[in-house]
Amino acid sequence: MDLTGAAMAIDMIARPVTLSRPAVGSYVDGRWVEGASVTSTIMAAILAISPRQLRDLPEGQQTTASKLIWTRTALYAADEGSGRRADEIIDGSRRYRVLALHDRGEGGYHKAVLEEVVDRGRTV
């Protein structure tokens, strides 16, 4: 399948967003300490997720998924086995966490499902 046209369209609507990639934490004096996050600017297209795309997600993710992102930058979801936390995307005043990955080899793009991070005024 030739995605040249789709890649051109994604490049046209992509805009700069901030990628926050947390480092893996470690134990310090017997207590777990989260790693510091490293931020960078990437080009990405953030789009609404369609009802059909929501149905294709596992049941637990259907209620939290809110957007799709297309970018040429590899993204990471949380991995409990390695202790890695999910990447976060900051778009203006909104913050999203990478929920699920859908890598696309065609056109050099990475596609991921995002969930909005809402802290509701709580401190962590």
Protein backbone atom coordinates (compact mmCIF):
# COMPACT_ATOMS: atom_id res chain seq x y z
CA MET A 1 0.00 0.00 0.00
CA ASP A 2 1.43 3.39 -1.00
CA LEU A 3 0.93 5.97 1.73
CA THR A 4 2.77 8.81 -0.01
CA GLY A 5 -0.36 10.95 -0.14
CA ALA A 6 -1.23 10.20 3.47
CA ALA A 7 2.33 11.01 4.59
CA MET A 8 2.16 14.34 2.77
CA ALA A 9 -1.18 15.14 4.42
CA ILE A 10 0.18 14.29 7.88
CA ASP A 11 3.27 16.43 7.26
CA MET A 12 1.01 19.33 6.26
CA ILE A 13 -1.04 19.27 9.49
CA ALA A 14 1.79 18.34 11.87
CA ARG A 15 2.75 21.03 14.34
CA PRO A 16 5.29 21.31 17.16
CA VAL A 17 4.32 19.68 20.48
CA THR A 18 6.40 18.84 23.53
CA LEU A 19 7.41 15.25 24.21
CA SER A 20 8.13 14.49 27.87
CA ARG A 21 10.00 11.19 28.20
CA PRO A 22 10.49 9.97 31.78
CA ALA A 23 13.71 8.23 32.66
CA VAL A 24 13.51 4.86 34.41
CA GLY A 25 13.64 5.27 38.18
CA SER A 26 15.84 3.48 40.68
CA TYR A 27 16.05 2.59 44.35
CA VAL A 28 17.88 5.08 46.56
CA ASP A 29 18.42 4.03 50.18
CA GLY A 30 15.71 1.38 49.78
CA ARG A 31 13.08 3.80 48.41
CA TRP A 32 11.93 4.02 44.79
CA VAL A 33 12.72 7.36 43.15
CA GLU A 34 11.20 8.19 39.76
CA GLY A 35 13.63 9.25 37.06
CA ALA A 36 13.60 12.84 35.82
CA SER A 37 11.77 13.58 32.56
CA VAL A 38 13.56 14.84 29.48
CA THR A 39 11.58 17.14 27.18
CA SER A 40 11.99 17.83 23.49
CA THR A 41 9.95 19.34 20.69
CA ILE A 42 8.60 17.00 18.03
CA MET A 43 6.35 17.47 15.01
CA ALA A 44 3.05 15.63 15.32
CA ALA A 45 -0.53 15.57 14.13
CA ILE A 46 -2.99 15.06 16.99
CA LEU A 47 -6.42 13.96 15.80
CA ALA A 48 -9.75 12.94 17.30
CA ILE A 49 -10.28 9.22 17.69
CA SER A 50 -13.21 7.75 15.77
CA PRO A 51 -15.85 5.42 17.27
CA ARG A 52 -14.57 2.59 15.05
CA GLN A 53 -11.03 3.08 16.31
CA LEU A 54 -12.32 3.07 19.90
CA ARG A 55 -14.05 -0.27 19.31
CA ASP A 56 -10.73 -1.77 18.15
CA LEU A 57 -9.08 -1.00 21.53
CA PRO A 58 -9.10 -3.36 24.51
CA GLU A 59 -12.12 -2.78 26.76
CA GLY A 60 -10.23 -1.01 29.54
CA GLN A 61 -8.71 1.51 27.12
CA GLN A 62 -11.98 2.38 25.37
CA THR A 63 -13.10 4.65 28.20
CA THR A 64 -9.84 6.59 28.61
CA ALA A 65 -8.64 7.03 25.01
CA SER A 66 -9.19 10.54 23.72
CA LYS A 67 -6.87 11.28 20.77
CA LEU A 68 -4.59 9.74 18.15
CA ILE A 69 -1.12 11.02 17.39
CA TRP A 70 0.87 10.56 14.19
CA THR A 71 4.56 11.43 14.36
CA ARG A 72 7.89 10.41 12.89
CA THR A 73 9.28 10.15 16.44
CA ALA A 74 9.11 6.75 18.16
CA LEU A 75 6.88 6.89 21.23
CA TYR A 76 6.72 4.60 24.26
CA ALA A 77 3.80 3.31 26.32
CA ALA A 78 4.22 2.20 29.93
CA ASP A 79 5.99 -1.12 30.42
CA GLU A 80 5.57 -2.66 33.87
CA GLY A 81 8.25 -5.25 33.21
CA SER A 82 10.99 -2.67 32.75
CA GLY A 83 9.47 -0.02 35.02
CA ARG A 84 9.27 2.47 32.16
CA ARG A 85 6.53 5.09 32.43
CA ALA A 86 4.64 6.21 29.34
CA ASP A 87 5.72 9.20 27.27
CA GLU A 88 3.60 12.30 27.66
CA ILE A 89 2.68 14.80 24.97
CA ILE A 90 2.08 18.43 25.95
CA ASP A 91 -0.03 20.38 23.48
CA GLY A 92 -0.64 23.89 24.77
CA SER A 93 -2.39 23.53 28.12
CA ARG A 94 -3.35 19.88 27.54
CA ARG A 95 -1.25 16.92 28.60
CA TYR A 96 -1.69 13.43 27.14
CA ARG A 97 -0.17 10.06 28.07
CA VAL A 98 0.66 7.44 25.45
CA LEU A 99 -1.85 4.65 26.08
CA ALA A 100 -1.23 2.22 23.21
CA LEU A 101 1.10 2.01 20.22
CA HIS A 102 0.16 1.20 16.65
CA ASP A 103 3.44 1.33 14.76
CA ARG A 104 3.14 1.98 11.05
CA GLY A 105 6.10 0.97 8.93
CA GLU A 106 4.71 2.74 5.88
CA GLY A 107 5.77 6.32 5.43
CA GLY A 108 8.05 6.35 8.48
CA TYR A 109 5.26 7.24 10.90
CA HIS A 110 4.38 6.08 14.40
CA LYS A 111 0.76 6.09 15.48
CA ALA A 112 -0.35 6.01 19.12
CA VAL A 113 -3.52 6.33 21.16
CA LEU A 114 -3.44 9.07 23.79
CA GLU A 115 -5.36 9.58 27.01
CA GLU A 116 -5.70 13.03 28.52
CA VAL A 117 -3.99 13.49 31.88
CA VAL A 118 -6.28 15.35 34.27
CA ASP A 119 -4.94 15.99 37.76
CA ARG A 120 -8.14 17.61 39.14
CA GLY A 121 -6.06 19.82 41.42
CA ARG A 122 -4.36 16.95 43.25
CA THR A 123 -0.70 16.92 44.05
CA VAL A 124 1.29 13.76 43.59
